[in-house]
Protein backbone atom coordinates (compact mmCIF):
# COMPACT_ATOMS: atom_id res chain seq x y z
CA MET A 1 148.42 121.25 85.72
CA LYS A 2 145.72 121.78 83.12
CA THR A 3 146.19 125.68 82.25
CA LEU A 4 150.32 124.95 81.95
CA LYS A 5 149.39 121.75 79.22
CA LEU A 6 147.19 124.65 77.67
CA MET A 7 149.76 127.15 77.45
CA SER A 8 152.52 124.84 75.84
CA LEU A 9 149.98 123.25 73.32
CA LEU A 10 149.32 127.06 72.52
CA LEU A 11 153.29 127.85 72.16
CA ALA A 12 153.46 124.95 70.12
CA ALA A 13 150.72 126.06 68.05
CA LEU A 14 152.10 129.39 67.47
CA LEU A 15 155.55 127.96 65.92
CA LEU A 16 153.79 125.81 63.85
CA THR A 17 151.70 128.65 62.13
CA ALA A 18 155.78 130.14 61.88
CA ASN A 19 156.85 127.57 60.27
CA LEU A 20 153.43 127.32 57.71
CA PHE A 21 154.11 131.31 56.81
CA ALA A 22 157.34 130.53 56.45
CA GLN A 23 156.71 127.82 53.76
CA GLU A 24 154.28 130.38 51.81
CA GLU A 25 155.30 133.02 49.13
CA MET A 26 156.13 135.75 51.26
CA THR A 27 158.67 138.45 51.30
CA TYR A 28 161.24 139.04 53.41
CA GLU A 29 160.05 141.31 55.04
CA GLU A 30 156.54 139.84 55.67
CA TRP A 31 158.08 136.98 57.09
CA GLN A 32 160.45 138.95 59.37
CA ASN A 33 157.18 141.14 60.65
CA GLU A 34 155.44 137.73 61.13
CA ILE A 35 158.18 136.38 63.31
CA ASN A 36 158.34 139.73 65.13
CA ARG A 37 155.08 139.19 65.99
CA LEU A 38 155.03 135.58 66.84
CA THR A 39 157.72 136.23 69.21
CA GLN A 40 155.93 138.99 70.87
CA GLN A 41 153.23 136.87 71.26
CA LYS A 42 155.19 134.28 72.83
CA ALA A 43 157.13 136.58 75.21
CA GLU A 44 153.43 137.83 76.46
CA LEU A 45 152.33 134.24 76.96
CA THR A 46 155.32 133.37 78.54
CA LYS A 47 155.26 136.01 81.23
CA GLU A 48 151.51 135.11 81.60
CA LEU A 49 152.07 131.64 82.27
CA ASN A 50 154.94 132.67 84.52
CA ALA A 51 152.59 134.53 86.60
CA LEU A 52 149.87 131.42 86.60
CA GLN A 53 152.95 129.11 87.61
CA SER A 54 153.41 131.50 90.76
CA ASP A 55 149.88 131.64 91.91
CA VAL A 56 149.66 127.86 91.39
CA ASN A 57 152.62 127.50 93.66
CA SER A 58 151.09 130.27 96.42
CA LEU A 59 148.27 128.37 96.52
CA LYS A 60 150.09 125.07 97.33
CA ALA A 61 151.86 126.66 100.17
CA LYS A 62 148.68 128.02 101.36
CA TYR A 63 147.09 124.61 100.94
CA GLU A 64 150.00 122.68 102.44
CA GLY A 65 149.44 125.30 105.61
CA MET A 66 146.12 124.70 105.73
CA GLN A 67 144.49 122.50 108.50
CA THR A 68 142.43 119.26 107.91
CA TYR A 69 138.70 119.48 107.85
CA GLU A 70 139.08 117.68 111.30
CA ASP A 71 141.57 119.47 112.81
CA CYS A 72 139.09 122.25 112.23
CA MET A 73 135.76 120.85 113.51
CA ASP A 74 138.16 119.56 116.80
CA ASP A 75 139.12 123.33 117.03
CA LEU A 76 135.45 124.46 116.82
CA TYR A 77 134.65 121.86 119.36
CA SER A 78 136.98 122.20 121.88
CA ILE A 79 135.19 126.26 121.94
CA VAL A 80 132.43 124.78 123.81
CA GLY A 81 134.50 122.45 125.85
CA ALA A 82 133.16 119.36 123.62
CA SER A 83 134.50 116.48 122.09
CA LYS A 84 133.42 114.53 118.57
CA SER A 85 131.67 111.82 121.19
CA ASP A 86 129.84 114.62 122.99
CA VAL A 87 128.70 116.48 119.83
CA ASP A 88 127.31 112.88 118.05
CA ASP A 89 125.68 112.21 121.38
CA PHE A 90 124.19 115.94 121.53
CA ARG A 91 122.85 115.44 117.81
CA ASN A 92 120.96 112.03 118.78
CA LYS A 93 119.48 114.10 121.77
CA VAL A 94 118.09 116.69 119.22
CA ASN A 95 116.86 114.21 116.88
CA MET A 96 115.07 112.36 118.98
CA LEU A 97 113.47 115.23 120.87
CA ASP A 98 112.40 116.64 117.19
CA GLY A 99 110.81 113.55 116.61
CA LYS A 100 108.68 113.50 119.71
CA ILE A 101 107.72 117.26 118.94
CA ASN A 102 106.64 116.45 115.36
CA ARG A 103 104.67 113.45 116.76
CA LYS A 104 103.36 115.70 119.72
CA GLU A 105 104.27 113.01 122.09
CA SER A 106 102.56 114.43 125.46
CA PRO A 107 102.85 115.99 127.77
CA LYS A 108 104.17 119.30 125.95
CA ALA A 109 105.75 120.18 129.21
CA ASP A 110 107.98 117.43 129.38
CA ARG A 111 108.85 118.23 125.83
CA GLN A 112 109.84 121.82 126.76
CA ALA A 113 112.03 120.69 129.47
CA GLU A 114 114.16 118.89 127.74
CA LEU A 115 114.27 121.44 124.92
CA ASP A 116 115.22 123.87 127.45
CA ALA A 117 117.92 121.20 128.47
CA LEU A 118 119.39 120.97 125.24
CA LYS A 119 119.34 125.01 124.94
CA SER A 120 121.77 125.42 127.98
CA ASN A 121 124.17 123.12 126.70
CA LYS A 122 127.00 125.05 124.96
CA ILE A 123 127.02 122.72 122.23
CA SER A 124 123.85 124.41 121.16
CA ALA A 125 125.89 127.28 120.17
CA LEU A 126 127.64 125.58 117.28
CA PRO A 127 126.39 126.50 113.57
CA GLU A 128 125.01 122.78 113.17
CA PHE A 129 122.27 123.13 116.14
CA PHE A 130 121.64 127.00 116.72
CA ASP A 131 118.99 127.60 114.75
CA ARG A 132 117.27 124.19 114.53
CA VAL A 133 117.42 123.81 118.75
CA HIS A 134 116.88 127.57 119.80
CA ASN A 135 114.20 128.64 117.23
CA GLN A 136 113.04 125.86 114.72
CA MET A 137 111.81 123.54 117.89
CA GLN A 138 111.00 126.09 120.08
CA ARG A 139 108.38 127.52 117.15
CA LYS A 140 107.04 124.12 116.46
CA LEU A 141 106.31 123.68 120.49
CA ASP A 142 104.73 126.94 120.40
CA ALA A 143 102.23 126.09 117.57
CA TRP A 144 101.66 122.96 119.60
CA GLU A 145 97.76 123.20 121.17
CA GLU A 146 97.87 120.35 123.60
CA LYS A 147 94.23 118.87 124.49
CA PRO A 148 93.37 118.90 128.47
CA ALA A 149 94.61 115.94 130.30
CA GLU A 150 90.79 115.35 130.64
CA VAL A 151 87.75 116.82 129.88
CA ASN A 152 84.39 116.40 131.84
CA TYR A 153 81.32 115.24 130.37
CA THR A 154 77.33 115.08 131.68
CA VAL A 155 75.36 112.31 131.23
CA VAL A 156 71.86 112.54 129.38
CA LYS A 157 69.14 110.47 128.81
CA GLY A 158 69.77 107.62 126.32
CA ASP A 159 73.55 107.76 126.92
CA HIS A 160 75.69 104.52 127.49
CA LEU A 161 79.38 104.34 127.70
CA TRP A 162 79.91 102.64 124.48
CA GLY A 163 78.15 105.82 122.95
CA ILE A 164 80.07 108.30 125.10
CA ALA A 165 83.26 106.94 123.88
CA LYS A 166 81.94 106.58 120.28
CA LYS A 167 81.60 110.79 120.46
CA GLU A 168 84.12 112.10 118.04
CA GLN A 169 85.07 114.63 120.45
CA HIS A 170 85.94 112.31 123.16
CA TYR A 171 87.54 109.04 121.60
CA GLY A 172 85.47 108.26 118.27
CA ASN A 173 86.22 104.38 119.03
CA PRO A 174 83.03 103.05 120.92
CA PHE A 175 85.61 100.09 122.21
CA ALA A 176 87.47 102.20 124.42
CA TRP A 177 84.48 102.77 126.62
CA PRO A 178 86.43 100.71 129.45
CA LYS A 179 88.29 103.72 129.85
CA ILE A 180 85.50 105.75 130.95
CA TYR A 181 84.21 103.13 132.97
CA GLU A 182 87.80 102.70 135.06
CA ALA A 183 87.77 106.84 135.49
CA ASN A 184 84.86 107.01 136.87
CA ARG A 185 84.44 103.92 139.21
CA ASP A 186 83.58 106.07 142.16
CA GLN A 187 80.23 106.80 140.67
CA ILE A 188 79.58 104.06 138.37
CA LYS A 189 78.72 100.33 140.04
CA ASN A 190 77.53 98.56 136.94
CA PRO A 191 78.69 99.78 133.66
CA ASP A 192 75.39 99.31 131.82
CA LEU A 193 73.69 101.21 134.33
CA ILE A 194 74.57 105.39 134.15
CA TYR A 195 72.13 107.92 134.77
CA PRO A 196 71.47 111.67 133.50
CA LYS A 197 73.38 114.36 135.00
CA GLN A 198 76.29 112.36 136.25
CA VAL A 199 79.60 113.89 135.73
CA PHE A 200 82.15 111.92 134.00
CA LYS A 201 85.62 112.37 133.52
CA ILE A 202 87.21 111.40 129.91
CA PRO A 203 90.70 111.19 130.44
CA ASN A 204 92.88 110.99 127.16
CA LEU A 205 94.21 107.67 125.85
CA THR A 206 97.57 106.84 125.54
CA ASP A 207 99.27 106.30 122.44
CA GLU A 208 99.33 102.34 123.45
CA GLU A 209 95.74 102.58 124.27
CA LYS A 210 94.44 104.20 121.00
CA ALA A 211 96.48 101.23 119.20
CA LYS A 212 94.64 98.73 121.59
CA TYR A 213 91.31 100.14 120.86
CA GLU A 214 91.51 100.45 117.54
CA LYS A 215 92.56 97.11 116.87
CA LEU A 216 89.50 95.60 118.65
CA ARG A 217 87.23 97.76 116.65
CA ARG A 218 89.31 96.50 112.90
CA ASN A 219 88.62 93.05 114.09
CA TYR A 220 85.34 92.98 115.82
CA LYS A 221 82.74 91.21 113.60
CA PRO A 222 78.93 92.07 114.45
CA ALA A 223 77.00 89.06 115.15
CA PRO A 224 74.88 87.88 111.99
CA PRO A 225 71.26 89.11 112.59
CA ALA A 226 69.11 86.56 113.83
CA GLN A 227 66.78 84.70 111.29
CA ASN A 228 62.85 83.76 111.90
CA ASN A 229 62.15 80.42 110.43
CA ALA A 230 59.00 79.96 109.20
CA GLN A 231 56.40 77.53 110.71
């Protein structure tokens, strides 16, 4: 529509120009030549306008024959035997698993099993999901170096559960010592008494346990030092 209006304005400008030339002093021959030039220009513009109108009509016909976006997506979903609700549910599962992988929520084997299940679903072949599920998320899983479920530690002279738990290679938090105690109750009768050469299992903390022991550390207030009163 904007093109048609522009052409109409141009034609009007040409006619106005012709009138202006007619009002100026010129010979009849000059006037006739200008009229012929403008007439030819008008014919060319009219031809171009008709061609543009034909293109507009053709585009309108194509547009009217096109499917809506929703219809196209429904056809695409039907190829993989899914409905819109199935795809929405799959999208939610992908987002949830991607979050678990990004946060490295152990165990890694469970995350891999979940990803394999998503890969086996035909919906993963849709353009929205294919690269993310089959490539990006797998690369993140492959790069994930999972710590072993537990490590062993051999007690040396001067050790105590508080100090072992405080070591950075273990928990980095002395308040987590009960975890070591519970994991080695078969060797530890009294948590205040451990002996060199004992081999303790140091299991990983769950996210819930990490939060619990971290809260204990933040809230800990050491007792004030004893004061000696001068006699």
